[in-house]
Amino acid sequence: MKDLTKLSLAETRNGLRAGDFSAVDVTSAYLDAIGAANERLNAYVAVAEEQALDMARASDDRLAKGEGGALEGVPLGIKDLFATRGLHTQAGSHILDGFKPEYESFVTANLWADGAVLLGKLNMDEFAMGSSNETSHYGPVINPWRAEGSDDDLVPGGSSGGSAAAVSAWLCAGATATDTGGSIRQPAAFTGTVGIKPTYGRCSRWGVVAFASSLDQAGPITRTVEDSAILLTSMAGFDPMDSTSMDVDVPDFAAAVERGVKGLTIGIPREYRLEGMPGEIEKLWQQGIEWLKAEGATVRDISLPHTKYALPAYYIVAPAEASSNLARYDGVKYGLRVAGDSIEDMYELTRAAGFGREVQRRVMIGTYVLSAGYYDAYYVRAQKVRTLIKQDFEKVFAEGVDAILTPATPSAAFRVGDASMAADPVKMYLNDIFTVTVNMAGLPGISVPAGKDGAGLPLGLQLIGKPFDEETLFAAGRVIERSSGQDFSPKRWW
């Protein structure tokens, strides 16, 4: 029998429906793969072996009766940010030690209702704050990819590094992830996988540990564009428990994948051509333009003039919201508690021990920009800039542009422990330079693997769409995927 972990999500689903193998077979194959690889890759922080096999047996029963759901028997990994009833949910943080919620997030409840199987919880940057998956309390995730001729460990990107690494290394058929400033698209680009951040409000945030509430959005990471479309269809939906959830129909996204781009207008923003951008990124971007033209799309230059302000505005808005959201972690009701001489002392000691350095940095920044005397100068001004960024996109789309093509990241994956990144947080933050505008404007964006750098590491292209028009992104993303025609499977070394 073919290695069941090497099948796409669509192939797994179809094989289960056809009776080519059982849900127990495919779940067992993934559990074996996790057991063999996780010590080296550190993608999972909790493996739910018994629960996974129980769910798989229940899926086999439903399949035998012809009652299988849209994802019946398909094994998935879940980012540690999503609440899963009775199972480790700690957002990669020490301060949530031992937390096992008594409730299920809306997104994961949708997946289980469609028959998916829970393999376990995936590692991530602490509270989703990071671009390399090095801030996790559980240690860094290692990218399954390595540069040619090198044994150096590379980062998988962040914050959804565990999700991207697990999909890339065949440790799950697909994974949930979240994106606040690029945390789905950047790790997808670093690992040769497909990642889509849907429109803000497409997927419920209920039961997802909050980082920055006006920016956070759940989405899938998968091996193919079709797989992402299938998984997003199950993840999405209106949730009355989330005031930002939009009551809009969820289309069959997979039906749009082969629609093509003939007749579409693709915008190329001149502001994304950055000084000092690596030539191989520029070359790949131009190649993407040619692929879309060859399939019948019209390509034209556009301007998004406020792009240059997006990153500084994001690093005011996101930390401000984080400082508010993380104030709830005080050691009183759940998680870590460090005893002190008074309740104030206990708060201080618990937070000092429970929050990692990057989280502390962002909480301090956020508290500062919200403080009296600085609120108007920083936070209010950043929100005004955010409005201008959103208006830039609205103007371009109103002028007939259907989607926008950009690079996904300014480089390929870098080394774990890169000294230049550790010494300069701003350099790390620049990894989000192509992605934060999408979150600031609430738009959908997809990263599709499109090429490789000189060291054989994957590079991605990003497509940005109109609100709630993920279908066009899947169609255009499929054109890039098919045109590239490359194998984005890492060579196994672990």
Protein backbone atom coordinates (compact mmCIF):
# COMPACT_ATOMS: atom_id res chain seq x y z
CA MET A 1 0.00 0.00 0.00
CA LYS A 2 1.18 3.51 -0.84
CA ASP A 3 2.40 5.61 2.10
CA LEU A 4 -0.91 7.09 3.21
CA THR A 5 0.78 10.16 4.70
CA LYS A 6 1.97 11.22 1.22
CA LEU A 7 -1.57 11.62 -0.11
CA SER A 8 -3.14 15.05 -0.45
CA LEU A 9 -6.12 15.86 1.73
CA ALA A 10 -8.39 15.47 -1.31
CA GLU A 11 -6.84 12.09 -2.16
CA THR A 12 -7.22 10.97 1.46
CA ARG A 13 -10.88 11.99 1.54
CA ASN A 14 -11.61 10.31 -1.80
CA GLY A 15 -9.75 7.13 -0.86
CA LEU A 16 -11.70 6.85 2.37
CA ARG A 17 -14.99 7.30 0.53
CA ALA A 18 -14.00 4.67 -2.02
CA GLY A 19 -12.99 2.21 0.69
CA ASP A 20 -9.38 2.00 -0.54
CA PHE A 21 -8.23 2.21 3.09
CA SER A 22 -9.82 2.90 6.46
CA ALA A 23 -9.73 5.96 8.69
CA VAL A 24 -7.89 3.84 11.27
CA ASP A 25 -5.29 2.95 8.61
CA VAL A 26 -4.57 6.55 7.68
CA THR A 27 -4.71 7.83 11.26
CA SER A 28 -2.31 5.11 12.40
CA ALA A 29 0.05 6.01 9.56
CA TYR A 30 0.12 9.65 10.68
CA LEU A 31 0.58 8.72 14.34
CA ASP A 32 3.54 6.53 13.37
CA ALA A 33 5.01 9.39 11.32
CA ILE A 34 4.61 11.80 14.25
CA GLY A 35 6.27 9.32 16.58
CA ALA A 36 9.25 9.01 14.25
CA ALA A 37 9.69 12.72 13.46
CA ASN A 38 8.41 14.88 16.27
CA GLU A 39 11.42 14.58 18.57
CA ARG A 40 13.48 16.21 15.83
CA LEU A 41 10.98 18.65 14.31
CA ASN A 42 9.06 19.59 17.49
CA ALA A 43 5.90 20.33 15.49
CA TYR A 44 3.44 18.83 18.00
CA VAL A 45 3.20 19.88 21.64
CA ALA A 46 0.51 17.27 22.40
CA VAL A 47 -0.44 14.09 20.52
CA ALA A 48 -3.97 12.77 21.11
CA GLU A 49 -3.30 9.16 20.10
CA GLU A 50 -6.20 7.43 21.87
CA GLN A 51 -8.68 10.15 20.95
CA ALA A 52 -7.52 10.09 17.32
CA LEU A 53 -8.02 6.34 17.01
CA ASP A 54 -11.44 6.56 18.68
CA MET A 55 -12.48 9.28 16.24
CA ALA A 56 -11.11 7.24 13.32
CA ARG A 57 -13.10 4.15 14.35
CA ALA A 58 -16.24 6.28 14.59
CA SER A 59 -15.50 7.66 11.09
CA ASP A 60 -15.14 4.14 9.70
CA ASP A 61 -18.54 3.26 11.15
CA ARG A 62 -20.15 6.29 9.51
CA LEU A 63 -18.41 5.64 6.19
CA ALA A 64 -19.64 2.04 6.23
CA LYS A 65 -23.21 3.33 6.63
CA GLY A 66 -22.79 5.93 3.87
CA GLU A 67 -23.12 8.75 6.41
CA GLY A 68 -19.65 10.30 6.10
CA GLY A 69 -19.21 14.05 6.37
CA ALA A 70 -17.20 16.36 4.13
CA LEU A 71 -13.92 15.49 5.94
CA GLU A 72 -14.85 12.06 7.25
CA GLY A 73 -11.76 10.26 8.57
CA VAL A 74 -9.27 12.93 7.46
CA PRO A 75 -6.55 13.42 10.16
CA LEU A 76 -5.75 17.05 11.01
CA GLY A 77 -3.33 18.91 13.25
CA ILE A 78 -4.70 21.84 15.28
CA LYS A 79 -2.70 24.93 16.19
CA ASP A 80 -2.34 25.27 19.96
CA LEU A 81 -4.30 28.53 19.80
CA PHE A 82 -7.64 26.73 19.22
CA ALA A 83 -9.56 25.51 22.27
CA THR A 84 -10.05 21.74 22.16
CA ARG A 85 -12.24 20.25 24.87
CA GLY A 86 -10.23 18.38 27.49
CA LEU A 87 -6.96 18.66 25.55
CA HIS A 88 -3.82 20.79 26.01
CA THR A 89 -4.55 24.39 24.91
CA GLN A 90 -1.74 26.71 25.99
CA ALA A 91 -1.00 29.06 23.06
CA GLY A 92 2.64 28.01 23.30
CA SER A 93 2.91 29.79 26.67
CA HIS A 94 4.11 28.88 30.15
CA ILE A 95 1.42 31.06 31.72
CA LEU A 96 -1.32 28.66 30.57
CA ASP A 97 0.34 25.59 32.09
CA GLY A 98 -2.07 22.69 32.43
CA PHE A 99 -5.01 24.47 30.83
CA LYS A 100 -7.54 22.08 29.25
CA PRO A 101 -10.73 23.90 28.27
CA GLU A 102 -14.23 22.59 28.89
CA TYR A 103 -15.37 23.91 25.52
CA GLU A 104 -14.52 23.61 21.82
CA SER A 105 -13.69 26.45 19.45
CA PHE A 106 -16.25 27.12 16.74
CA VAL A 107 -13.76 26.27 13.99
CA THR A 108 -12.69 22.91 15.44
CA ALA A 109 -16.30 22.03 16.29
CA ASN A 110 -17.09 22.53 12.59
CA LEU A 111 -14.25 20.19 11.62
CA TRP A 112 -15.35 17.44 13.99
CA ALA A 113 -18.96 17.82 12.79
CA ASP A 114 -17.66 17.16 9.26
CA GLY A 115 -15.90 13.99 10.46
CA ALA A 116 -12.27 15.12 10.71
CA VAL A 117 -9.90 13.32 13.10
CA LEU A 118 -7.85 15.20 15.72
CA LEU A 119 -4.18 14.11 15.75
CA GLY A 120 -2.97 16.64 18.31
CA LYS A 121 -1.99 20.23 19.03
CA LEU A 122 0.68 22.02 17.02
CA ASN A 123 3.52 24.18 18.29
CA MET A 124 3.48 27.93 17.68
CA ASP A 125 5.09 31.20 18.70
CA GLU A 126 3.88 32.17 22.17
CA PHE A 127 0.44 33.79 21.88
CA ALA A 128 1.10 33.94 18.12
CA MET A 129 3.74 36.63 18.62
CA GLY A 130 6.63 35.83 16.32
CA SER A 131 7.76 35.24 12.75
CA SER A 132 10.03 32.23 13.26
CA ASN A 133 8.40 29.91 15.83
CA GLU A 134 11.30 30.51 18.21
CA THR A 135 9.28 32.18 20.99
CA SER A 136 7.32 29.05 22.00
CA HIS A 137 7.64 27.88 25.60
CA TYR A 138 8.06 24.41 24.09
CA GLY A 139 11.09 25.32 22.02
CA PRO A 140 11.51 26.13 18.34
CA VAL A 141 9.91 24.14 15.55
CA ILE A 142 12.41 22.96 12.94
CA ASN A 143 11.65 23.43 9.25
CA PRO A 144 11.62 20.10 7.34
CA TRP A 145 13.55 21.88 4.56
CA ARG A 146 17.31 22.32 4.53
CA ALA A 147 19.50 24.34 2.22
CA GLU A 148 21.42 22.26 -0.29
CA GLY A 149 24.74 21.10 1.16
CA SER A 150 23.89 22.34 4.66
CA ASP A 151 22.89 20.66 7.92
CA ASP A 152 21.77 23.93 9.54
CA ASP A 153 18.33 23.90 11.14
CA LEU A 154 15.99 26.45 9.57
CA VAL A 155 12.94 28.18 11.02
CA PRO A 156 9.52 27.25 9.58
CA GLY A 157 8.22 30.79 9.98
CA GLY A 158 5.66 31.93 12.49
CA SER A 159 3.51 32.06 14.32
CA SER A 160 1.92 28.98 12.70
CA GLY A 161 5.27 27.23 12.31
CA GLY A 162 4.09 23.96 13.83
CA SER A 163 1.16 23.84 11.42
CA ALA A 164 3.34 24.53 8.37
CA ALA A 165 6.11 22.12 9.42
CA ALA A 166 3.63 19.32 10.19
CA VAL A 167 1.94 19.66 6.79
CA SER A 168 5.25 19.91 4.94
CA ALA A 169 6.73 16.86 6.74
CA TRP A 170 3.64 14.67 6.17
CA LEU A 171 2.63 14.68 9.84
CA CYS A 172 -1.03 15.58 9.12
CA ALA A 173 -3.26 15.84 6.05
CA GLY A 174 -3.90 19.51 6.79
CA ALA A 175 -3.75 21.93 9.70
CA THR A 176 -5.57 24.86 11.21
CA ALA A 177 -3.60 28.06 11.66
CA THR A 178 -4.16 31.74 12.44
CA ASP A 179 -2.92 34.92 10.80
CA THR A 180 -2.61 38.28 12.59
CA GLY A 181 0.07 39.88 10.42
CA GLY A 182 1.24 37.04 8.16
CA SER A 183 1.27 34.04 10.48
CA ILE A 184 -0.33 31.70 7.92
CA ARG A 185 1.21 33.01 4.71
CA GLN A 186 4.81 33.50 5.85
CA PRO A 187 5.28 29.97 7.29
CA ALA A 188 3.52 28.53 4.25
CA ALA A 189 6.05 30.30 2.02
CA PHE A 190 8.97 29.06 4.15
CA THR A 191 7.84 25.41 3.99
CA GLY A 192 6.55 25.00 0.44
CA THR A 193 2.92 24.71 1.55
CA VAL A 194 -0.29 26.60 0.73
CA GLY A 195 -1.74 28.98 3.32
CA ILE A 196 -4.77 31.25 3.08
CA LYS A 197 -5.83 34.00 5.46
CA PRO A 198 -9.53 34.44 4.76
CA THR A 199 -11.42 37.72 4.92
CA TYR A 200 -11.75 39.03 8.48
CA GLY A 201 -15.03 37.59 9.78
CA ARG A 202 -15.09 34.55 7.47
CA CYS A 203 -14.02 32.19 10.29
CA SER A 204 -15.20 32.62 13.87
CA ARG A 205 -12.67 33.72 16.49
CA TRP A 206 -14.73 32.17 19.31
CA GLY A 207 -12.57 29.73 21.25
CA VAL A 208 -9.35 30.98 19.63
CA VAL A 209 -6.90 32.49 22.14
CA ALA A 210 -6.76 36.20 21.28
CA PHE A 211 -3.65 38.11 20.23
CA ALA A 212 -5.02 41.20 18.44
CA SER A 213 -8.77 40.89 18.10
CA SER A 214 -9.27 43.23 15.13
CA LEU A 215 -6.56 41.43 13.13
CA ASP A 216 -6.70 37.72 14.09
CA GLN A 217 -8.22 35.34 11.55
CA ALA A 218 -8.20 31.54 11.31
CA GLY A 219 -7.38 29.67 8.12
CA PRO A 220 -5.86 26.43 6.81
CA ILE A 221 -2.36 25.33 5.82
CA THR A 222 -2.28 22.44 3.36
CA ARG A 223 -0.16 20.86 0.63
CA THR A 224 -2.26 22.03 -2.33
CA VAL A 225 -4.61 24.84 -3.31
CA GLU A 226 -7.47 22.35 -3.65
CA ASP A 227 -6.82 21.05 -0.13
CA SER A 228 -6.97 24.59 1.27
CA ALA A 229 -10.28 25.19 -0.48
CA ILE A 230 -11.74 21.96 0.95
CA LEU A 231 -10.54 22.68 4.48
CA LEU A 232 -11.64 26.34 4.51
CA THR A 233 -15.16 25.29 3.46
CA SER A 234 -15.45 23.29 6.67
CA MET A 235 -13.73 25.87 8.91
CA ALA A 236 -15.82 28.86 7.84
CA GLY A 237 -19.33 29.87 8.83
CA PHE A 238 -21.38 32.39 10.78
CA ASP A 239 -21.11 32.21 14.56
CA PRO A 240 -23.48 34.29 16.73
CA MET A 241 -20.98 33.88 19.61
CA ASP A 242 -18.50 36.09 17.72
CA SER A 243 -19.64 39.67 17.16
CA THR A 244 -17.16 40.05 14.27
CA SER A 245 -18.34 36.89 12.47
CA MET A 246 -20.05 37.76 9.19
CA ASP A 247 -23.37 36.18 8.27
CA VAL A 248 -22.49 35.40 4.66
CA ASP A 249 -22.88 32.20 2.67
CA VAL A 250 -19.91 29.82 2.58
CA PRO A 251 -19.45 28.73 -1.03
CA ASP A 252 -17.99 25.42 -2.15
CA PHE A 253 -14.50 26.86 -2.49
CA ALA A 254 -13.15 23.71 -4.16
CA ALA A 255 -15.56 24.27 -7.08
CA ALA A 256 -13.68 27.49 -7.93
CA VAL A 257 -10.17 26.00 -7.95
CA GLU A 258 -10.09 25.10 -11.66
CA ARG A 259 -11.99 28.21 -12.77
CA GLY A 260 -8.87 29.84 -14.20
CA VAL A 261 -7.99 33.52 -14.54
CA LYS A 262 -9.09 34.29 -18.09
CA GLY A 263 -10.61 37.76 -18.16
CA LEU A 264 -9.34 38.73 -14.71
CA THR A 265 -7.29 41.86 -14.04
CA ILE A 266 -4.31 41.35 -11.73
CA GLY A 267 -2.73 44.36 -10.06
CA ILE A 268 1.01 44.68 -9.39
CA PRO A 269 1.66 47.25 -6.63
CA ARG A 270 4.74 49.34 -7.34
CA GLU A 271 5.23 50.01 -3.60
CA TYR A 272 6.07 46.33 -3.02
CA ARG A 273 9.26 46.66 -5.10
CA LEU A 274 11.50 47.33 -2.14
CA GLU A 275 15.03 48.67 -2.22
CA GLY A 276 17.47 45.85 -1.63
CA MET A 277 14.93 43.11 -2.35
CA PRO A 278 16.76 39.90 -3.40
CA GLY A 279 16.93 39.40 -7.14
CA GLU A 280 15.46 35.90 -6.89
CA ILE A 281 12.32 37.31 -5.23
CA GLU A 282 11.94 39.89 -8.00
CA LYS A 283 12.54 37.22 -10.65
CA LEU A 284 9.92 34.91 -9.16
CA TRP A 285 7.42 37.75 -8.96
CA GLN A 286 7.96 38.49 -12.66
CA GLN A 287 7.58 34.79 -13.43
CA GLY A 288 4.24 34.77 -11.61
CA ILE A 289 3.10 37.71 -13.73
CA GLU A 290 3.98 35.81 -16.92
CA TRP A 291 2.15 32.67 -15.74
CA LEU A 292 -1.05 34.63 -15.10
CA LYS A 293 -0.77 36.45 -18.44
CA ALA A 294 -0.31 33.14 -20.25
CA GLU A 295 -3.58 31.91 -18.75
CA GLY A 296 -5.53 34.90 -20.03
CA ALA A 297 -5.27 37.45 -17.22
CA THR A 298 -4.61 41.13 -17.81
CA VAL A 299 -1.82 42.51 -15.63
CA ARG A 300 -1.37 46.17 -14.79
CA ASP A 301 0.62 48.29 -12.38
CA ILE A 302 -1.24 49.80 -9.46
CA SER A 303 -0.39 52.05 -6.53
CA LEU A 304 -1.04 51.40 -2.85
CA PRO A 305 0.57 54.61 -1.55
CA HIS A 306 0.18 54.00 2.18
CA THR A 307 1.91 50.61 2.11
CA LYS A 308 5.10 52.03 3.61
CA TYR A 309 3.21 52.95 6.78
CA ALA A 310 1.60 49.52 7.24
CA LEU A 311 4.35 47.84 9.24
CA PRO A 312 4.86 50.62 11.82
CA ALA A 313 1.09 51.07 12.18
CA TYR A 314 0.64 47.31 12.63
CA TYR A 315 3.28 47.21 15.38
CA ILE A 316 1.27 49.83 17.26
CA VAL A 317 -2.22 48.38 16.78
CA ALA A 318 -1.31 44.72 17.39
CA PRO A 319 0.68 45.22 20.63
CA ALA A 320 -1.98 47.61 21.93
CA GLU A 321 -4.68 44.99 21.49
CA ALA A 322 -2.36 42.29 22.86
CA SER A 323 -1.69 44.26 26.06
CA SER A 324 -5.44 44.45 26.63
CA ASN A 325 -6.15 40.81 25.75
CA LEU A 326 -3.31 39.39 27.83
CA ALA A 327 -4.28 41.31 30.96
CA ARG A 328 -6.62 38.41 31.79
CA TYR A 329 -3.67 36.11 32.57
CA ASP A 330 -2.94 36.75 36.23
CA GLY A 331 -2.57 33.33 37.90
CA VAL A 332 -5.85 33.57 39.79
CA LYS A 333 -8.24 31.09 38.16
CA TYR A 334 -6.18 28.90 35.82
CA GLY A 335 -2.71 28.32 34.43
CA LEU A 336 0.57 29.17 36.11
CA ARG A 337 0.57 30.75 39.58
CA VAL A 338 3.70 32.00 41.34
CA ALA A 339 3.02 32.75 45.01
CA GLY A 340 3.73 36.23 46.35
CA ASP A 341 3.35 38.25 49.55
CA SER A 342 0.25 40.02 48.18
CA ILE A 343 -2.11 39.65 45.24
CA GLU A 344 -0.24 42.39 43.35
CA ASP A 345 3.02 40.57 44.04
CA MET A 346 1.48 37.32 42.78
CA TYR A 347 0.33 39.05 39.57
CA GLU A 348 3.80 40.44 38.92
CA LEU A 349 5.68 37.23 39.68
CA THR A 350 3.26 35.08 37.66
CA ARG A 351 3.45 37.29 34.59
CA ALA A 352 7.22 37.67 34.84
CA ALA A 353 7.66 33.88 34.94
CA GLY A 354 4.77 33.00 32.62
CA PHE A 355 5.27 35.34 29.67
CA GLY A 356 8.29 34.95 27.41
CA ARG A 357 10.55 37.81 26.38
CA GLU A 358 8.84 38.61 23.06
CA VAL A 359 5.38 38.64 24.65
CA GLN A 360 6.65 40.91 27.43
CA ARG A 361 8.16 43.23 24.83
CA ARG A 362 4.90 43.55 22.91
CA VAL A 363 2.78 43.96 26.04
CA MET A 364 5.09 46.78 27.16
CA ILE A 365 4.88 48.46 23.74
CA GLY A 366 1.10 48.10 23.73
CA THR A 367 0.70 49.45 27.24
CA TYR A 368 2.89 52.42 26.36
CA VAL A 369 0.97 53.40 23.20
CA LEU A 370 -2.34 53.18 25.09
CA SER A 371 -1.15 55.19 28.08
CA ALA A 372 -2.36 58.68 28.91
CA GLY A 373 -0.54 61.26 26.86
CA TYR A 374 0.47 58.82 24.12
CA TYR A 375 -2.86 57.31 23.07
CA ASP A 376 -3.65 60.02 20.49
CA ALA A 377 -0.07 60.29 19.25
CA TYR A 378 0.32 56.57 18.60
CA TYR A 379 -2.78 54.39 18.74
CA VAL A 380 -5.30 56.83 17.26
CA ARG A 381 -2.88 57.86 14.54
CA ALA A 382 -2.15 54.22 13.67
CA GLN A 383 -5.87 53.54 13.33
CA LYS A 384 -6.16 56.50 10.94
CA VAL A 385 -3.32 55.08 8.87
CA ARG A 386 -5.11 51.74 8.88
CA THR A 387 -8.17 53.42 7.36
CA LEU A 388 -6.00 54.93 4.61
CA ILE A 389 -4.48 51.52 3.84
CA LYS A 390 -7.96 50.03 3.53
CA GLN A 391 -9.04 52.88 1.25
CA ASP A 392 -6.04 52.24 -1.02
CA PHE A 393 -7.26 48.72 -1.64
CA GLU A 394 -10.89 49.81 -2.06
CA LYS A 395 -9.86 52.33 -4.72
CA VAL A 396 -7.86 49.74 -6.68
CA PHE A 397 -10.65 47.16 -6.57
CA ALA A 398 -13.22 49.80 -7.59
CA GLU A 399 -11.09 50.51 -10.67
CA GLY A 400 -11.52 46.95 -11.94
CA VAL A 401 -8.68 44.99 -10.34
CA ASP A 402 -9.80 41.47 -9.36
CA ALA A 403 -6.72 40.39 -7.37
CA ILE A 404 -3.23 41.63 -6.51
CA LEU A 405 0.01 39.66 -6.92
CA THR A 406 2.99 40.24 -4.61
CA PRO A 407 5.86 38.27 -3.07
CA ALA A 408 4.91 36.44 0.12
CA THR A 409 8.16 37.02 2.01
CA PRO A 410 11.35 39.06 1.49
CA SER A 411 13.53 35.91 1.67
CA ALA A 412 13.54 32.15 2.09
CA ALA A 413 13.71 30.53 5.55
CA PHE A 414 16.62 31.59 7.74
CA ARG A 415 18.62 29.71 10.39
CA VAL A 416 17.27 28.91 13.81
CA GLY A 417 19.02 31.20 16.30
CA ASP A 418 20.09 33.68 13.60
CA ALA A 419 22.11 36.18 15.65
CA SER A 420 21.16 39.17 13.51
CA MET A 421 17.46 38.47 14.06
CA ALA A 422 17.88 37.92 17.80
CA ALA A 423 19.84 41.15 18.20
CA ASP A 424 17.40 43.28 16.19
CA PRO A 425 13.67 42.62 16.72
CA VAL A 426 12.83 45.08 13.95
CA LYS A 427 14.70 42.91 11.44
CA MET A 428 12.52 39.98 12.51
CA TYR A 429 9.39 42.12 12.19
CA LEU A 430 10.35 42.96 8.58
CA ASN A 431 9.49 39.37 7.63
CA ASP A 432 5.86 40.54 7.69
CA ILE A 433 6.41 43.47 5.34
CA PHE A 434 4.41 41.96 2.45
CA THR A 435 1.64 40.50 4.58
CA VAL A 436 0.54 43.01 7.25
CA THR A 437 -1.37 45.26 4.84
CA VAL A 438 -3.82 42.41 4.24
CA ASN A 439 -4.63 42.11 7.95
CA MET A 440 -4.86 45.86 8.41
CA ALA A 441 -7.45 46.02 5.62
CA GLY A 442 -9.27 42.80 6.62
CA LEU A 443 -8.77 41.26 3.18
CA PRO A 444 -8.15 37.65 2.10
CA GLY A 445 -4.63 36.64 1.07
CA ILE A 446 -3.12 33.35 -0.06
CA SER A 447 0.51 32.18 -0.27
CA VAL A 448 1.28 29.57 -2.92
CA PRO A 449 4.68 27.88 -3.37
CA ALA A 450 6.01 29.07 -6.72
CA GLY A 451 9.77 28.52 -6.88
CA LYS A 452 13.02 27.97 -5.00
CA ASP A 453 16.01 30.08 -4.15
CA GLY A 454 19.61 29.34 -5.07
CA ALA A 455 19.93 26.98 -2.10
CA GLY A 456 16.87 24.97 -3.11
CA LEU A 457 14.58 26.47 -0.44
CA PRO A 458 10.93 27.20 -1.27
CA LEU A 459 9.63 30.67 -2.07
CA GLY A 460 5.99 31.75 -2.24
CA LEU A 461 3.90 34.25 -4.14
CA GLN A 462 0.98 36.03 -2.48
CA LEU A 463 -2.40 36.88 -4.00
CA ILE A 464 -4.65 39.46 -2.30
CA GLY A 465 -8.37 39.54 -3.03
CA LYS A 466 -11.54 41.51 -2.50
CA PRO A 467 -13.51 40.98 0.72
CA PHE A 468 -15.16 37.54 0.76
CA ASP A 469 -13.78 36.70 -2.68
CA GLU A 470 -11.55 33.81 -1.65
CA GLU A 471 -12.79 31.92 -4.72
CA THR A 472 -10.77 34.16 -7.06
CA LEU A 473 -7.67 33.58 -4.92
CA PHE A 474 -8.09 29.81 -5.12
CA ALA A 475 -8.53 30.01 -8.91
CA ALA A 476 -5.49 32.25 -9.42
CA GLY A 477 -3.47 30.31 -6.85
CA ARG A 478 -4.16 27.08 -8.73
CA VAL A 479 -2.82 28.68 -11.92
CA ILE A 480 0.45 29.54 -10.14
CA GLU A 481 0.63 26.07 -8.57
CA ARG A 482 0.06 24.33 -11.90
CA SER A 483 2.38 26.67 -13.84
CA SER A 484 5.22 26.18 -11.37
CA GLY A 485 4.90 22.42 -11.62
CA GLN A 486 7.63 21.88 -9.04
CA ASP A 487 7.79 19.28 -6.30
CA PHE A 488 7.62 21.04 -2.93
CA SER A 489 8.29 17.97 -0.83
CA PRO A 490 11.34 18.29 1.44
CA LYS A 491 14.03 15.63 1.29
CA ARG A 492 13.67 13.56 4.44
CA TRP A 493 16.59 13.94 6.86
CA TRP A 494 14.83 13.62 10.22
